[in-house]
């Protein structure tokens, strides 16, 4: 967890909706011993120092919770702190556990909640609205739901299927076995087995709500997935596809080792314009909007079920049946674009 400090915002090094004023707290403790720490993301980073204070989240009160008090957000983070007219205050990570290999390790907010038995079950579940990542269009109006200690049965259909975590030395991510891919009715080769030095015995899918897209190992994407979908696509940072062909694109389905495939339609993986080692592939909001997810610390495991969602139609604010995201043909007409962008990226 991190939040921006009062001083950081005052001098323009942070761009937060609210800031943390250390002088206003009687329980604040600086535990940094003069050391700073930097958190780096796929894009952007923040710098600060470790402190402790009482954290209250959704009615749960956590005394002496350690977190990063930020003294500097880079320009990328500062830009991401604004969604429309609403400013974000900070970030709470949802990883399986903190990096215990780090000298600066401390239990995350979730770890504290679970180890101190502050919720009825050591689980949390996540539902993302189909348009929650559509330029913030519905982010604040039914954008999603995070439940600590259980699940909301109105947000999924069918059965929740559980997958054990693939644990490596750090055991940081919610990662499960990624075995194979199917495009339409065509089964693609299984993912290669990682070398022993990699620390895992199988390719894995990391379920990460902090990632917008799906990142697939570059060679597998280029040699198998893309040719099976469209043949050759034009690439410009993203992979581009002509709008007239979008509705003809096949489903892309992923198998996590049990023979059950989780399909994504073109509505999921094609979006309007607007450090991976190759064996760990990120499954972000493109996947998590389609599938309700449950994260169980006691397994440890991840559960998946088809999400029951709605979307918000552009312009009228009305809701309709789930189609994954705002229909591409509607969104691209609004944007006046002739090309749409692939939501599956390389992870080379």
Protein backbone atom coordinates (compact mmCIF):
# COMPACT_ATOMS: atom_id res chain seq x y z
CA UNK A 1 0.00 0.00 0.00
CA UNK A 2 1.14 3.55 -0.70
CA UNK A 3 -0.31 7.03 -0.32
CA UNK A 4 1.09 10.45 -1.18
CA UNK A 5 2.35 12.73 1.57
CA UNK A 6 1.14 16.27 2.21
CA UNK A 7 4.54 17.71 1.34
CA UNK A 8 4.75 15.72 -1.90
CA UNK A 9 1.46 17.15 -3.10
CA UNK A 10 2.27 20.65 -1.90
CA UNK A 11 5.44 20.88 -4.01
CA UNK A 12 3.87 19.20 -7.06
CA UNK A 13 5.75 15.89 -6.86
CA UNK A 14 2.46 14.04 -6.29
CA UNK A 15 -0.95 14.40 -7.91
CA UNK A 16 -3.37 12.78 -5.46
CA UNK A 17 -7.01 13.36 -4.60
CA UNK A 18 -6.19 13.37 -0.89
CA UNK A 19 -2.86 13.30 0.91
CA UNK A 20 -1.60 11.96 4.21
CA UNK A 21 -0.70 14.59 6.81
CA UNK A 22 1.60 12.92 9.34
CA UNK A 23 1.19 15.77 11.84
CA UNK A 24 -2.55 15.09 12.09
CA UNK A 25 -2.06 11.52 13.34
CA UNK A 26 -1.29 10.54 16.93
CA UNK A 27 -0.48 6.94 15.93
CA UNK A 28 1.93 7.66 13.06
CA UNK A 29 5.41 6.10 13.30
CA UNK A 30 8.32 6.52 10.92
CA UNK A 31 10.02 3.10 10.66
CA UNK A 32 12.24 3.86 7.66
CA UNK A 33 15.48 4.39 9.65
CA UNK A 34 16.37 6.98 7.05
CA UNK A 35 16.04 4.55 4.11
CA UNK A 36 13.95 5.25 1.02
CA UNK A 37 12.22 2.68 -1.17
CA UNK A 38 11.04 2.70 -4.78
CA UNK A 39 8.14 0.71 -6.23
CA UNK A 40 8.45 0.16 -9.98
CA UNK A 41 5.54 -0.87 -12.20
CA UNK A 42 5.34 -1.89 -15.85
CA UNK A 43 4.89 1.82 -16.47
CA UNK A 44 5.71 4.39 -13.82
CA UNK A 45 7.16 4.33 -10.31
CA UNK A 46 6.82 5.94 -6.88
CA UNK A 47 9.44 6.71 -4.25
CA UNK A 48 8.99 7.16 -0.51
CA UNK A 49 9.74 5.76 2.92
CA UNK A 50 8.19 3.15 5.20
CA UNK A 51 5.84 4.21 7.99
CA UNK A 52 3.20 2.68 10.26
CA UNK A 53 -0.23 3.87 11.25
CA UNK A 54 -3.79 2.63 11.75
CA UNK A 55 -5.45 1.78 8.42
CA UNK A 56 -9.22 1.55 8.05
CA UNK A 57 -10.59 -0.16 4.92
CA UNK A 58 -14.22 -1.06 4.39
CA UNK A 59 -14.91 -1.06 8.12
CA UNK A 60 -11.84 -3.19 8.92
CA UNK A 61 -9.40 -1.41 11.24
CA UNK A 62 -5.75 -2.51 11.08
CA UNK A 63 -3.47 -1.02 13.76
CA UNK A 64 0.26 -0.59 13.11
CA UNK A 65 -0.02 -1.31 9.41
CA UNK A 66 3.17 -0.60 7.50
CA UNK A 67 2.94 1.19 4.15
CA UNK A 68 4.93 3.46 1.87
CA UNK A 69 4.51 7.20 2.37
CA UNK A 70 5.27 8.56 -1.08
CA UNK A 71 7.50 11.59 -1.58
CA UNK A 72 7.67 11.41 -5.37
CA UNK A 73 5.42 10.10 -8.15
CA UNK A 74 6.87 10.11 -11.65
CA UNK A 75 4.94 11.79 -14.48
CA UNK A 76 3.33 8.52 -15.59
CA UNK A 77 1.88 7.83 -12.14
CA UNK A 78 0.77 11.44 -11.75
CA UNK A 79 -1.18 11.16 -14.99
CA UNK A 80 -2.72 7.85 -13.91
CA UNK A 81 -3.89 9.39 -10.63
CA UNK A 82 -6.65 11.21 -12.52
CA UNK A 83 -9.75 9.44 -13.91
CA UNK A 84 -11.94 12.05 -15.57
CA UNK A 85 -12.65 14.62 -12.86
CA UNK A 86 -11.78 12.24 -10.02
CA UNK A 87 -8.36 11.95 -8.43
CA UNK A 88 -6.99 8.72 -6.93
CA UNK A 89 -5.40 8.81 -3.46
CA UNK A 90 -2.98 5.87 -3.65
CA UNK A 91 -2.83 2.13 -4.15
CA UNK A 92 -3.55 -1.07 -2.19
CA UNK A 93 -1.84 -4.12 -3.68
CA UNK A 94 -3.69 -7.43 -3.95
CA UNK A 95 -0.73 -9.79 -4.42
CA UNK A 96 -0.67 -13.19 -2.72
CA UNK A 97 1.99 -11.93 -0.34
CA UNK A 98 4.68 -9.27 -0.15
CA UNK A 99 8.21 -9.84 -1.39
CA UNK A 100 9.70 -11.64 1.60
CA UNK A 101 13.08 -11.66 -0.09
CA UNK A 102 13.34 -7.90 0.25
CA UNK A 103 15.14 -6.23 3.16
CA UNK A 104 12.21 -3.84 3.35
CA UNK A 105 9.52 -6.56 3.46
CA UNK A 106 6.43 -5.94 5.55
CA UNK A 107 3.03 -7.69 5.49
CA UNK A 108 0.62 -6.15 2.99
CA UNK A 109 -2.79 -4.87 4.03
CA UNK A 110 -4.37 -8.12 2.80
CA UNK A 111 -1.80 -10.25 4.63
CA UNK A 112 -2.51 -8.38 7.85
CA UNK A 113 -6.26 -8.81 7.45
CA UNK A 114 -5.92 -12.56 6.83
CA UNK A 115 -3.26 -13.40 9.44
CA UNK A 116 -5.12 -11.42 12.12
CA UNK A 117 -8.41 -13.20 11.27
CA UNK A 118 -10.23 -9.95 10.57
CA UNK A 119 -12.54 -11.54 7.98
CA UNK A 120 -14.75 -14.64 8.19
CA UNK A 121 -12.80 -16.55 5.52
CA UNK A 122 -9.26 -15.96 4.19
CA UNK A 123 -10.53 -15.09 0.71
CA UNK A 124 -11.39 -12.09 -1.40
CA UNK A 125 -13.28 -11.96 -4.67
CA UNK A 126 -13.39 -9.53 -7.56
CA UNK A 127 -15.94 -8.52 -10.13
CA UNK A 128 -15.12 -5.93 -12.81
CA UNK A 129 -17.80 -4.24 -14.87
CA UNK A 130 -17.46 -4.79 -18.60
CA UNK A 131 -16.66 -1.13 -19.19
CA UNK A 132 -14.57 -0.40 -16.10
CA UNK A 133 -11.45 0.00 -18.24
CA UNK A 134 -13.11 1.93 -21.06
CA UNK A 135 -11.31 5.25 -20.45
CA UNK A 136 -12.90 5.36 -16.97
CA UNK A 137 -16.36 5.54 -18.56
CA UNK A 138 -18.10 3.54 -15.83
CA UNK A 139 -15.27 3.29 -13.32
CA UNK A 140 -17.17 5.22 -10.65
CA UNK A 141 -20.65 4.03 -11.58
CA UNK A 142 -20.88 0.28 -11.10
CA UNK A 143 -17.25 -0.14 -12.10
CA UNK A 144 -16.65 -3.21 -9.99
CA UNK A 145 -16.76 -4.83 -6.58
CA UNK A 146 -14.15 -6.26 -4.23
CA UNK A 147 -15.41 -8.45 -1.39
CA UNK A 148 -13.20 -9.36 1.56
CA UNK A 149 -14.11 -12.66 3.20
CA UNK A 150 -16.51 -14.11 0.63
CA UNK A 151 -18.22 -13.86 -2.76
CA UNK A 152 -21.29 -12.16 -4.20
CA UNK A 153 -23.31 -14.85 -6.05
CA UNK A 154 -25.08 -12.21 -8.15
CA UNK A 155 -21.80 -11.45 -9.94
CA UNK A 156 -21.18 -14.86 -11.51
CA UNK A 157 -23.01 -17.70 -13.19
CA UNK A 158 -22.38 -21.44 -13.07
CA UNK A 159 -19.75 -23.09 -10.91
CA UNK A 160 -16.55 -21.57 -9.53
CA UNK A 161 -13.67 -23.80 -10.68
CA UNK A 162 -10.60 -23.75 -8.42
CA UNK A 163 -6.94 -23.84 -9.52
CA UNK A 164 -3.99 -24.27 -7.13
CA UNK A 165 -1.27 -21.64 -7.17
CA UNK A 166 2.07 -22.39 -8.78
CA UNK A 167 4.44 -21.29 -6.03
CA UNK A 168 7.99 -20.21 -6.74
CA UNK A 169 10.67 -19.01 -4.29
CA UNK A 170 9.05 -15.60 -3.85
CA UNK A 171 5.42 -16.82 -3.93
CA UNK A 172 4.41 -13.25 -4.71
CA UNK A 173 1.76 -13.56 -7.42
CA UNK A 174 -1.63 -15.19 -7.78
CA UNK A 175 -0.31 -17.41 -10.57
CA UNK A 176 -1.77 -20.65 -11.93
CA UNK A 177 -0.67 -23.14 -14.57
CA UNK A 178 -1.15 -21.98 -18.17
CA UNK A 179 -1.21 -25.07 -20.34
CA UNK A 180 -2.56 -24.26 -23.79
CA UNK A 181 -4.59 -21.97 -26.03
CA UNK A 182 -7.38 -22.61 -28.49
CA UNK A 183 -8.38 -20.21 -31.29
CA UNK A 184 -11.88 -20.93 -32.53
CA UNK A 185 -11.86 -24.75 -32.86
CA UNK A 186 -8.10 -24.93 -33.48
CA UNK A 187 -5.97 -26.25 -30.62
CA UNK A 188 -2.53 -24.64 -30.44
CA UNK A 189 0.63 -26.31 -29.03
CA UNK A 190 1.15 -26.41 -25.29
CA UNK A 191 3.34 -23.75 -23.78
CA UNK A 192 6.98 -24.88 -23.44
CA UNK A 193 8.32 -26.09 -20.08
CA UNK A 194 10.52 -23.46 -18.40
CA UNK A 195 14.16 -24.29 -17.60
CA UNK A 196 14.90 -25.35 -14.01
CA UNK A 197 16.71 -22.08 -13.39
CA UNK A 198 13.42 -20.27 -13.93
CA UNK A 199 12.08 -21.47 -10.59
CA UNK A 200 8.77 -22.81 -11.90
CA UNK A 201 7.93 -26.11 -13.61
CA UNK A 202 5.25 -24.78 -15.94
CA UNK A 203 4.23 -21.66 -17.80
CA UNK A 204 1.88 -19.63 -15.60
CA UNK A 205 -0.90 -17.07 -15.89
CA UNK A 206 -0.63 -14.27 -13.33
CA UNK A 207 -4.07 -12.87 -12.52
CA UNK A 208 -3.42 -9.16 -11.99
CA UNK A 209 -6.16 -6.53 -11.78
CA UNK A 210 -3.46 -3.85 -11.95
CA UNK A 211 -2.78 -4.83 -15.58
CA UNK A 212 -5.20 -3.69 -18.26
CA UNK A 213 -4.44 -6.20 -21.02
CA UNK A 214 -3.20 -9.77 -21.48
CA UNK A 215 0.53 -10.19 -22.05
CA UNK A 216 1.62 -13.35 -23.85
CA UNK A 217 5.17 -14.53 -24.55
CA UNK A 218 6.28 -12.91 -27.81
CA UNK A 219 7.22 -16.02 -29.82
CA UNK A 220 4.07 -17.92 -28.88
CA UNK A 221 1.89 -14.93 -29.77
CA UNK A 222 3.60 -14.31 -33.10
CA UNK A 223 3.96 -17.89 -34.29
CA UNK A 224 0.74 -19.44 -33.02
CA UNK A 225 -1.99 -17.11 -31.72
CA UNK A 226 -1.88 -14.28 -34.26
CA UNK A 227 -1.65 -16.44 -37.41
CA UNK A 228 -4.53 -18.55 -36.12
CA UNK A 229 -6.68 -15.45 -35.65
CA UNK A 230 -5.93 -13.26 -38.61
CA UNK A 231 -2.77 -14.30 -40.40
CA UNK A 232 -0.57 -11.24 -40.44
CA UNK A 233 -1.52 -8.08 -38.51
CA UNK A 234 -0.08 -4.61 -38.76
CA UNK A 235 1.89 -3.75 -35.62
CA UNK A 236 2.34 -0.25 -34.19
CA UNK A 237 3.08 -0.71 -30.48
CA UNK A 238 -0.21 -2.62 -30.40
CA UNK A 239 -1.43 -5.10 -33.01
CA UNK A 240 -3.93 -3.44 -35.33
CA UNK A 241 -6.86 -5.01 -37.14
CA UNK A 242 -9.24 -3.51 -39.71
CA UNK A 243 -12.64 -2.65 -38.20
CA UNK A 244 -14.49 -4.44 -41.01
CA UNK A 245 -12.99 -7.76 -39.89
CA UNK A 246 -13.51 -7.44 -36.12
CA UNK A 247 -16.82 -9.30 -35.86
CA UNK A 248 -15.37 -12.21 -37.87
CA UNK A 249 -12.52 -12.84 -35.43
CA UNK A 250 -12.66 -16.17 -33.55
CA UNK A 251 -12.75 -16.71 -29.82
CA UNK A 252 -9.40 -17.08 -28.06
CA UNK A 253 -9.61 -19.63 -25.22
CA UNK A 254 -7.14 -20.44 -22.44
CA UNK A 255 -6.71 -23.72 -20.58
CA UNK A 256 -5.27 -23.83 -17.07
CA UNK A 257 -4.47 -27.54 -16.92
CA UNK A 258 -7.85 -29.22 -16.37
CA UNK A 259 -9.13 -29.37 -19.96
CA UNK A 260 -11.63 -26.55 -19.36
CA UNK A 261 -11.22 -23.60 -21.74
CA UNK A 262 -12.00 -19.98 -20.87
CA UNK A 263 -12.95 -18.14 -24.09
CA UNK A 264 -12.60 -14.44 -24.87
CA UNK A 265 -14.62 -13.09 -27.79
CA UNK A 266 -13.57 -10.21 -30.05
CA UNK A 267 -15.58 -7.95 -27.72
CA UNK A 268 -13.07 -8.80 -24.99
CA UNK A 269 -9.72 -8.77 -26.72
CA UNK A 270 -10.20 -6.01 -29.31
CA UNK A 271 -10.36 -2.51 -27.87
CA UNK A 272 -11.00 0.86 -29.56
CA UNK A 273 -8.06 3.29 -30.11
CA UNK A 274 -7.65 5.44 -27.25
CA UNK A 275 9.28 -7.32 -17.65
CA UNK A 276 8.20 -10.59 -18.19
CA UNK A 277 10.50 -13.62 -18.55
CA UNK A 278 8.33 -15.27 -21.20
CA UNK A 279 6.96 -18.06 -18.97
CA UNK A 280 4.98 -15.82 -16.61
CA UNK A 281 2.15 -14.23 -18.56
CA UNK A 282 -0.08 -11.47 -17.21
CA UNK A 283 -3.83 -11.89 -17.40
CA UNK A 284 -5.20 -8.44 -16.64
CA UNK A 285 -8.59 -6.75 -16.82
CA UNK A 286 -9.32 -8.01 -20.34
CA UNK A 287 -9.62 -11.49 -18.80
CA UNK A 288 -10.89 -10.50 -15.35
CA UNK A 289 -13.83 -8.55 -16.74
CA UNK A 290 -15.05 -11.74 -18.42
CA UNK A 291 -14.40 -14.07 -15.47
CA UNK A 292 -15.30 -13.53 -11.83
CA UNK A 293 -12.27 -14.41 -9.68
CA UNK A 294 -11.87 -15.67 -6.12
CA UNK A 295 -8.51 -15.60 -4.30
CA UNK A 296 -8.11 -18.07 -1.43
CA UNK A 297 -5.13 -17.79 0.93
CA UNK A 298 -5.90 -21.12 2.60
CA UNK A 299 -5.48 -23.17 -0.61
CA UNK A 300 -3.72 -21.25 -1.81
CA UNK A 301 -5.80 -21.15 -4.96
CA UNK A 302 -7.70 -19.07 -7.48
CA UNK A 303 -11.33 -19.72 -8.45
CA UNK A 304 -12.87 -18.68 -11.77
CA UNK A 305 -16.46 -18.48 -12.99
CA UNK A 306 -18.22 -16.72 -15.85
CA UNK A 307 -18.98 -13.18 -14.71
CA UNK A 308 -22.53 -11.86 -14.69
CA UNK A 309 -22.06 -8.30 -15.91
CA UNK A 310 -23.65 -5.28 -17.46
CA UNK A 311 -22.20 -2.55 -19.61
CA UNK A 312 -23.03 1.14 -19.96
CA UNK A 313 -23.93 2.22 -23.48
CA UNK A 314 -22.02 5.31 -24.62
CA UNK A 315 -24.09 8.46 -24.37
CA UNK A 316 -27.32 7.20 -22.84
CA UNK A 317 -26.10 5.67 -19.55
CA UNK A 318 -28.46 2.71 -19.94
CA UNK A 319 -27.37 -0.78 -19.08
CA UNK A 320 -27.73 -3.87 -21.22
CA UNK A 321 -26.79 -7.55 -21.19
CA UNK A 322 -23.13 -8.47 -20.79
CA UNK A 323 -21.07 -8.40 -23.97
CA UNK A 324 -17.60 -8.13 -22.40
CA UNK A 325 -16.94 -4.45 -23.12
CA UNK A 326 -18.71 -1.65 -24.93
CA UNK A 327 -19.38 -3.14 -28.39
CA UNK A 328 -16.36 -2.39 -30.55
CA UNK A 329 -18.36 -1.37 -33.57
CA UNK A 330 -20.11 1.34 -31.50
CA UNK A 331 -17.01 2.57 -29.73
CA UNK A 332 -14.90 2.78 -32.87
CA UNK A 333 -17.53 4.74 -34.74
CA UNK A 334 -17.52 7.28 -31.95
CA UNK A 335 -13.75 7.50 -32.14
CA UNK A 336 -13.91 7.92 -35.92
CA UNK A 337 -11.20 5.29 -36.34
CA UNK A 338 -10.66 2.78 -39.12
CA UNK A 339 -8.44 0.51 -37.02
CA UNK A 340 -8.96 -1.10 -33.61
CA UNK A 341 -6.35 -2.31 -31.16
CA UNK A 342 -5.64 -5.79 -29.91
CA UNK A 343 -6.01 -6.31 -26.17
CA UNK A 344 -3.44 -9.13 -26.15
CA UNK A 345 0.14 -7.90 -26.05
CA UNK A 346 3.57 -9.50 -26.24
CA UNK A 347 5.42 -10.33 -23.04
CA UNK A 348 8.93 -10.84 -24.31
